[in-house]
Protein backbone atom coordinates (compact mmCIF):
# COMPACT_ATOMS: atom_id res chain seq x y z
CA UNK A 1 -57.85 -6.03 -52.68
CA UNK A 2 -56.90 -4.02 -55.79
CA UNK A 3 -53.39 -3.43 -57.18
CA UNK A 4 -52.96 -0.11 -55.38
CA UNK A 5 -53.86 -1.63 -52.02
CA UNK A 6 -51.52 -4.58 -52.61
CA UNK A 7 -48.67 -2.21 -53.54
CA UNK A 8 -49.40 -0.02 -50.55
CA UNK A 9 -49.39 -2.93 -48.12
CA UNK A 10 -46.22 -4.42 -49.60
CA UNK A 11 -44.34 -1.12 -49.40
CA UNK A 12 -45.45 -0.52 -45.81
CA UNK A 13 -44.56 -4.02 -44.66
CA UNK A 14 -41.13 -4.01 -46.31
CA UNK A 15 -40.23 -0.61 -44.91
CA UNK A 16 -41.47 -1.44 -41.41
CA UNK A 17 -39.43 -4.63 -41.43
CA UNK A 18 -36.25 -2.78 -42.48
CA UNK A 19 -36.64 0.09 -40.03
CA UNK A 20 -37.22 -2.22 -37.06
CA UNK A 21 -33.59 -3.29 -37.45
CA UNK A 22 -32.22 0.25 -37.94
CA UNK A 23 -33.57 2.73 -35.35
CA UNK A 24 -31.92 5.73 -37.04
CA UNK A 25 -33.76 5.01 -40.28
CA UNK A 26 -37.01 4.43 -38.43
CA UNK A 27 -36.86 7.85 -36.74
CA UNK A 28 -35.88 9.74 -39.90
CA UNK A 29 -38.15 8.22 -42.53
CA UNK A 30 -41.73 7.45 -43.39
CA UNK A 31 -43.35 5.58 -46.23
CA UNK A 32 -46.65 6.19 -48.02
CA UNK A 33 -47.62 3.13 -49.99
CA UNK A 34 -49.87 4.93 -52.47
CA UNK A 35 -49.78 8.74 -52.21
CA UNK A 36 -52.76 10.65 -53.57
CA UNK A 37 -51.63 14.21 -54.25
CA UNK A 38 -52.97 15.52 -57.55
CA UNK A 39 -51.26 18.42 -59.30
CA UNK A 40 -54.51 20.33 -58.91
CA UNK A 41 -53.89 20.36 -55.14
CA UNK A 42 -50.83 22.57 -55.64
CA UNK A 43 -51.32 26.30 -55.89
CA UNK A 44 -49.58 27.57 -59.02
CA UNK A 45 -45.88 26.59 -59.48
CA UNK A 46 -46.72 25.90 -63.11
CA UNK A 47 -43.18 25.56 -64.46
CA UNK A 48 -41.96 23.47 -61.54
CA UNK A 49 -45.03 21.23 -61.74
CA UNK A 50 -44.52 20.69 -65.45
CA UNK A 51 -40.95 19.53 -65.06
CA UNK A 52 -41.39 17.49 -61.90
CA UNK A 53 -44.54 15.70 -62.99
CA UNK A 54 -43.11 15.01 -66.46
CA UNK A 55 -40.31 13.11 -64.73
CA UNK A 56 -42.96 10.51 -63.91
CA UNK A 57 -42.67 9.18 -67.45
CA UNK A 58 -39.29 7.75 -66.46
CA UNK A 59 -41.42 5.18 -64.65
CA UNK A 60 -44.64 5.11 -66.67
CA UNK A 61 -43.30 5.54 -70.22
CA UNK A 62 -39.52 5.08 -70.18
CA UNK A 63 -39.43 4.52 -73.94
CA UNK A 64 -40.16 8.19 -74.68
CA UNK A 65 -36.62 9.14 -73.72
CA UNK A 66 -35.21 6.54 -76.09
CA UNK A 67 -37.46 7.88 -78.84
CA UNK A 68 -35.57 11.15 -78.52
CA UNK A 69 -32.14 9.59 -78.27
CA UNK A 70 -31.66 10.46 -74.61
CA UNK A 71 -32.34 9.08 -71.15
CA UNK A 72 -34.15 10.25 -68.00
CA UNK A 73 -32.23 12.28 -65.43
CA UNK A 74 -30.83 10.23 -62.58
CA UNK A 75 -32.57 12.48 -60.08
CA UNK A 76 -34.22 15.86 -59.53
CA UNK A 77 -33.16 18.46 -56.98
CA UNK A 78 -35.88 20.90 -55.87
CA UNK A 79 -34.59 24.21 -54.56
CA UNK A 80 -36.70 26.85 -52.81
CA UNK A 81 -37.52 28.42 -49.49
CA UNK A 82 -39.16 26.36 -46.70
CA UNK A 83 -42.89 26.14 -47.25
CA UNK A 84 -42.68 26.76 -51.00
CA UNK A 85 -44.13 23.37 -52.00
CA UNK A 86 -41.09 21.12 -52.59
CA UNK A 87 -42.36 18.17 -50.57
CA UNK A 88 -45.84 18.50 -52.04
CA UNK A 89 -44.35 18.38 -55.55
CA UNK A 90 -42.39 15.25 -54.68
CA UNK A 91 -45.56 13.55 -53.42
CA UNK A 92 -47.42 14.65 -56.56
CA UNK A 93 -44.66 13.07 -58.65
CA UNK A 94 -45.06 9.77 -56.80
CA UNK A 95 -48.81 9.96 -57.35
CA UNK A 96 -48.41 10.62 -61.08
CA UNK A 97 -45.83 7.83 -61.43
CA UNK A 98 -48.02 5.46 -59.36
CA UNK A 99 -45.19 4.63 -56.98
CA UNK A 100 -44.79 4.34 -53.24
CA UNK A 101 -43.21 7.35 -51.52
CA UNK A 102 -40.33 7.25 -49.05
CA UNK A 103 -39.65 10.53 -47.22
CA UNK A 104 -36.15 10.68 -45.73
CA UNK A 105 -35.68 13.61 -43.33
CA UNK A 106 -31.95 14.17 -43.87
CA UNK A 107 -31.36 16.56 -40.89
CA UNK A 108 -33.00 14.10 -38.50
CA UNK A 109 -31.03 11.21 -39.98
CA UNK A 110 -27.77 13.14 -39.55
CA UNK A 111 -28.51 13.70 -35.85
CA UNK A 112 -29.50 10.08 -35.32
CA UNK A 113 -26.26 8.86 -36.88
CA UNK A 114 -24.21 11.13 -34.61
CA UNK A 115 -26.17 10.27 -31.47
CA UNK A 116 -26.23 6.53 -32.01
CA UNK A 117 -22.72 6.28 -33.42
CA UNK A 118 -21.40 3.54 -35.70
CA UNK A 119 -23.63 1.05 -37.51
CA UNK A 120 -23.44 3.11 -40.70
CA UNK A 121 -22.47 0.00 -42.64
CA UNK A 122 -25.53 -1.84 -41.32
CA UNK A 123 -27.76 1.07 -42.31
CA UNK A 124 -26.35 1.15 -45.84
CA UNK A 125 -26.87 -2.57 -46.28
CA UNK A 126 -30.44 -2.38 -44.94
CA UNK A 127 -31.08 0.60 -47.25
CA UNK A 128 -29.87 -1.28 -50.33
CA UNK A 129 -31.78 -4.41 -49.39
CA UNK A 130 -35.13 -2.75 -48.78
CA UNK A 131 -34.92 -0.59 -51.92
CA UNK A 132 -34.18 -3.67 -54.03
CA UNK A 133 -37.32 -5.36 -52.67
CA UNK A 134 -39.68 -2.38 -52.73
CA UNK A 135 -42.29 -1.97 -55.46
CA UNK A 136 -41.73 1.06 -57.74
CA UNK A 137 -40.89 3.87 -55.33
CA UNK A 138 -40.08 7.58 -55.28
CA UNK A 139 -37.35 8.27 -52.72
CA UNK A 140 -37.28 11.84 -51.42
CA UNK A 141 -34.23 13.26 -49.62
CA UNK A 142 -35.62 16.25 -47.70
CA UNK A 143 -33.12 19.07 -46.93
CA UNK A 144 -29.83 17.71 -48.25
CA UNK A 145 -27.97 20.73 -46.86
CA UNK A 146 -28.80 19.31 -43.45
CA UNK A 147 -26.41 21.31 -41.24
CA UNK A 148 -28.27 24.57 -42.00
CA UNK A 149 -31.76 23.12 -41.66
CA UNK A 150 -34.03 24.96 -39.26
CA UNK A 151 -35.35 21.60 -38.01
CA UNK A 152 -32.12 21.08 -36.07
CA UNK A 153 -31.48 24.71 -35.15
CA UNK A 154 -29.67 25.91 -38.28
CA UNK A 155 -25.89 26.19 -38.84
CA UNK A 156 -24.87 23.11 -36.87
CA UNK A 157 -21.15 23.34 -37.47
CA UNK A 158 -20.62 21.04 -34.49
CA UNK A 159 -21.65 18.09 -36.68
CA UNK A 160 -19.06 16.01 -38.59
CA UNK A 161 -20.26 17.44 -41.88
CA UNK A 162 -17.73 15.81 -44.19
CA UNK A 163 -18.31 12.19 -43.12
CA UNK A 164 -22.09 12.67 -43.09
CA UNK A 165 -21.95 14.14 -46.61
CA UNK A 166 -19.97 11.10 -47.76
CA UNK A 167 -22.57 8.85 -46.16
CA UNK A 168 -25.43 10.73 -47.87
CA UNK A 169 -23.62 10.41 -51.19
CA UNK A 170 -23.49 6.66 -50.71
CA UNK A 171 -27.19 6.56 -49.80
CA UNK A 172 -27.93 8.51 -52.98
CA UNK A 173 -25.85 6.23 -55.18
CA UNK A 174 -27.61 3.16 -53.84
CA UNK A 175 -31.01 4.75 -54.48
CA UNK A 176 -30.09 5.63 -58.08
CA UNK A 177 -28.98 2.11 -58.98
CA UNK A 178 -32.37 0.26 -59.10
CA UNK A 179 -34.43 1.03 -62.20
CA UNK A 180 -37.68 0.99 -60.23
CA UNK A 181 -36.63 3.97 -58.04
CA UNK A 182 -37.27 7.66 -58.83
CA UNK A 183 -34.87 9.93 -56.96
CA UNK A 184 -35.82 13.42 -55.71
CA UNK A 185 -34.01 15.71 -53.29
CA UNK A 186 -34.61 19.18 -51.90
CA UNK A 187 -32.77 21.98 -50.16
CA UNK A 188 -33.58 25.43 -48.87
CA UNK A 189 -29.89 26.37 -49.06
CA UNK A 190 -28.73 25.71 -52.64
CA UNK A 191 -26.01 28.36 -52.39
CA UNK A 192 -23.97 26.18 -50.03
CA UNK A 193 -24.95 22.72 -51.28
CA UNK A 194 -21.96 20.48 -51.95
CA UNK A 195 -21.30 20.19 -55.73
CA UNK A 196 -21.01 16.41 -55.36
CA UNK A 197 -24.79 16.16 -55.01
CA UNK A 198 -25.55 17.76 -58.38
CA UNK A 199 -23.16 15.68 -60.44
CA UNK A 200 -24.41 13.35 -63.20
CA UNK A 201 -25.76 10.11 -61.72
CA UNK A 202 -27.10 11.94 -58.66
CA UNK A 203 -29.43 14.97 -58.46
CA UNK A 204 -28.39 16.17 -61.89
CA UNK A 205 -31.51 18.14 -62.81
CA UNK A 206 -32.20 21.22 -60.68
CA UNK A 207 -35.76 22.59 -60.51
CA UNK A 208 -36.49 25.93 -58.86
CA UNK A 209 -39.64 26.01 -56.72
CA UNK A 210 -40.53 29.67 -56.24
CA UNK A 211 -44.19 30.68 -55.90
CA UNK A 212 -45.26 33.69 -57.95
CA UNK A 213 -46.53 36.47 -55.72
CA UNK A 214 -49.43 36.96 -55.26
CA UNK A 215 -51.10 34.56 -57.73
CA UNK A 216 -49.64 31.27 -56.47
CA UNK A 217 -50.28 32.24 -52.84
CA UNK A 218 -53.92 33.05 -53.60
CA UNK A 219 -54.36 29.81 -55.56
CA UNK A 220 -52.97 27.78 -52.65
CA UNK A 221 -55.21 29.55 -50.13
CA UNK A 222 -58.30 28.92 -52.25
CA UNK A 223 -57.39 25.23 -52.61
CA UNK A 224 -56.93 24.80 -48.87
CA UNK A 225 -60.06 26.78 -48.06
CA UNK A 226 -62.00 24.36 -50.25
CA UNK A 227 -60.32 21.38 -48.54
CA UNK A 228 -61.27 22.76 -45.12
CA UNK A 229 -64.89 23.11 -46.22
CA UNK A 230 -64.82 19.55 -47.56
CA UNK A 231 -63.58 18.25 -44.20
CA UNK A 232 -66.20 20.26 -42.33
CA UNK A 233 -68.98 19.30 -44.72
CA UNK A 234 -70.25 22.88 -44.83
CA UNK A 235 -69.43 26.38 -46.04
CA UNK A 236 -66.84 28.10 -43.83
CA UNK A 237 -65.81 31.15 -45.83
CA UNK A 238 -67.75 34.20 -46.90
CA UNK A 239 -66.86 36.41 -49.85
CA UNK A 240 -63.10 36.73 -49.32
CA UNK A 241 -60.98 39.36 -51.05
CA UNK A 242 -57.90 37.15 -51.25
CA UNK A 243 -55.88 39.78 -53.11
CA UNK A 244 -56.44 42.29 -50.31
CA UNK A 245 -55.42 39.74 -47.68
CA UNK A 246 -52.22 38.63 -49.41
CA UNK A 247 -51.18 42.18 -50.32
CA UNK A 248 -50.82 43.03 -46.61
CA UNK A 249 -47.58 41.08 -46.12
CA UNK A 250 -45.09 39.66 -48.66
CA UNK A 251 -42.76 37.78 -46.34
CA UNK A 252 -44.75 34.63 -45.44
CA UNK A 253 -44.13 31.48 -47.46
CA UNK A 254 -47.00 29.57 -49.02
CA UNK A 255 -46.88 27.24 -46.03
CA UNK A 256 -47.07 30.20 -43.64
CA UNK A 257 -50.15 31.51 -45.43
CA UNK A 258 -51.88 28.13 -45.14
CA UNK A 259 -51.15 28.08 -41.41
CA UNK A 260 -52.45 31.64 -41.07
CA UNK A 261 -55.71 30.55 -42.63
CA UNK A 262 -55.97 27.57 -40.28
CA UNK A 263 -55.26 29.86 -37.31
CA UNK A 264 -58.42 31.77 -38.21
CA UNK A 265 -60.39 28.52 -38.46
CA UNK A 266 -59.06 27.40 -35.07
CA UNK A 267 -60.14 30.67 -33.52
CA UNK A 268 -63.63 30.12 -34.91
CA UNK A 269 -63.59 26.61 -33.43
CA UNK A 270 -62.60 27.96 -29.99
CA UNK A 271 -65.40 30.53 -30.11
CA UNK A 272 -67.92 27.83 -31.01
CA UNK A 273 -66.66 25.69 -28.12
CA UNK A 274 -67.27 28.67 -25.82
CA UNK A 275 -70.85 28.89 -27.08
CA UNK A 276 -70.19 32.23 -28.73
CA UNK A 277 -71.92 33.32 -31.91
CA UNK A 278 -69.68 32.49 -34.85
CA UNK A 279 -69.95 33.82 -38.41
CA UNK A 280 -68.27 32.59 -41.59
CA UNK A 281 -64.63 33.61 -42.11
CA UNK A 282 -64.45 36.98 -43.83
CA UNK A 283 -61.67 39.20 -45.17
CA UNK A 284 -61.42 41.08 -41.88
CA UNK A 285 -60.77 37.84 -39.96
CA UNK A 286 -57.85 37.00 -42.22
CA UNK A 287 -56.41 40.52 -42.22
CA UNK A 288 -56.53 40.56 -38.42
CA UNK A 289 -54.57 37.30 -38.34
CA UNK A 290 -52.00 38.70 -40.77
CA UNK A 291 -51.47 41.73 -38.54
CA UNK A 292 -51.08 39.48 -35.48
CA UNK A 293 -48.56 37.32 -37.34
CA UNK A 294 -46.56 40.38 -38.40
CA UNK A 295 -46.35 41.66 -34.82
CA UNK A 296 -45.46 38.26 -33.41
CA UNK A 297 -42.81 37.64 -36.02
CA UNK A 298 -40.90 40.72 -34.83
CA UNK A 299 -40.58 39.13 -31.39
CA UNK A 300 -39.15 35.84 -32.65
CA UNK A 301 -35.70 34.93 -34.04
CA UNK A 302 -34.91 36.44 -37.40
CA UNK A 303 -34.75 33.08 -39.17
CA UNK A 304 -38.13 31.81 -38.11
CA UNK A 305 -38.85 28.42 -39.71
CA UNK A 306 -41.48 28.71 -42.42
CA UNK A 307 -44.65 26.68 -42.29
CA UNK A 308 -44.90 23.49 -44.25
CA UNK A 309 -47.00 23.68 -47.39
CA UNK A 310 -49.56 21.06 -46.29
């Protein structure tokens, strides 16, 4: 068993042990012992990638900050629309820094705390204990502005926002304290984020994650088309005019576009299952799916959750 496998197994075992005692944490978090997301797997986002991935040197080469008479930021906050690539960037950071990756779904955690009631002190103690024992780890707080998150219906003013924010602040502080932890957060609603989260010693460095249209969208589609072909072990796409496809509709996020592409592939799979003749995906297939998405979107709530950038 090599070092990566040992680290992966240790991280998984420690986290599983901690979450067995705290159901709320178990339902709102996941751990990846050794993430493998290379920067090349992210379509565009050049400036955001540069800053986020450079933060890895806080773990791999901490002395470089001292060489310049400064110190690494306590944490990074990624801001951008759903599906823009924030979570993918956080995983790429963990990969570059060679750390484990803990994904904390803040909206889900907020609901679990309210539903289960009490035991916040136990959760905080378990959180501190497991982080102190973990190997080097990147901790990712997904959607800090939880009460507006689409995952829980958006604008949940029925939640005790103040106390939950205080609790999240304490979680953040305890994650910052250990030197072997990299701290990253994200929000799709930076305009209403509580200022307490972006103070020094918390998420003090803000990084905007905004794909450039159409170049970053096209780059992401080409990456995921290649990944689909790798999984299938064969060529799936013909000569695609990606610029023509993307120019048809500006509203979808990067994640939406990836899901649109997979919708086309799923249709091809259904046709094959029905013993129909199936050709490689072409530009017309993708344009037809874009038109269908546009029509369907008009029938759904205005604030339709964006797809996740896989």
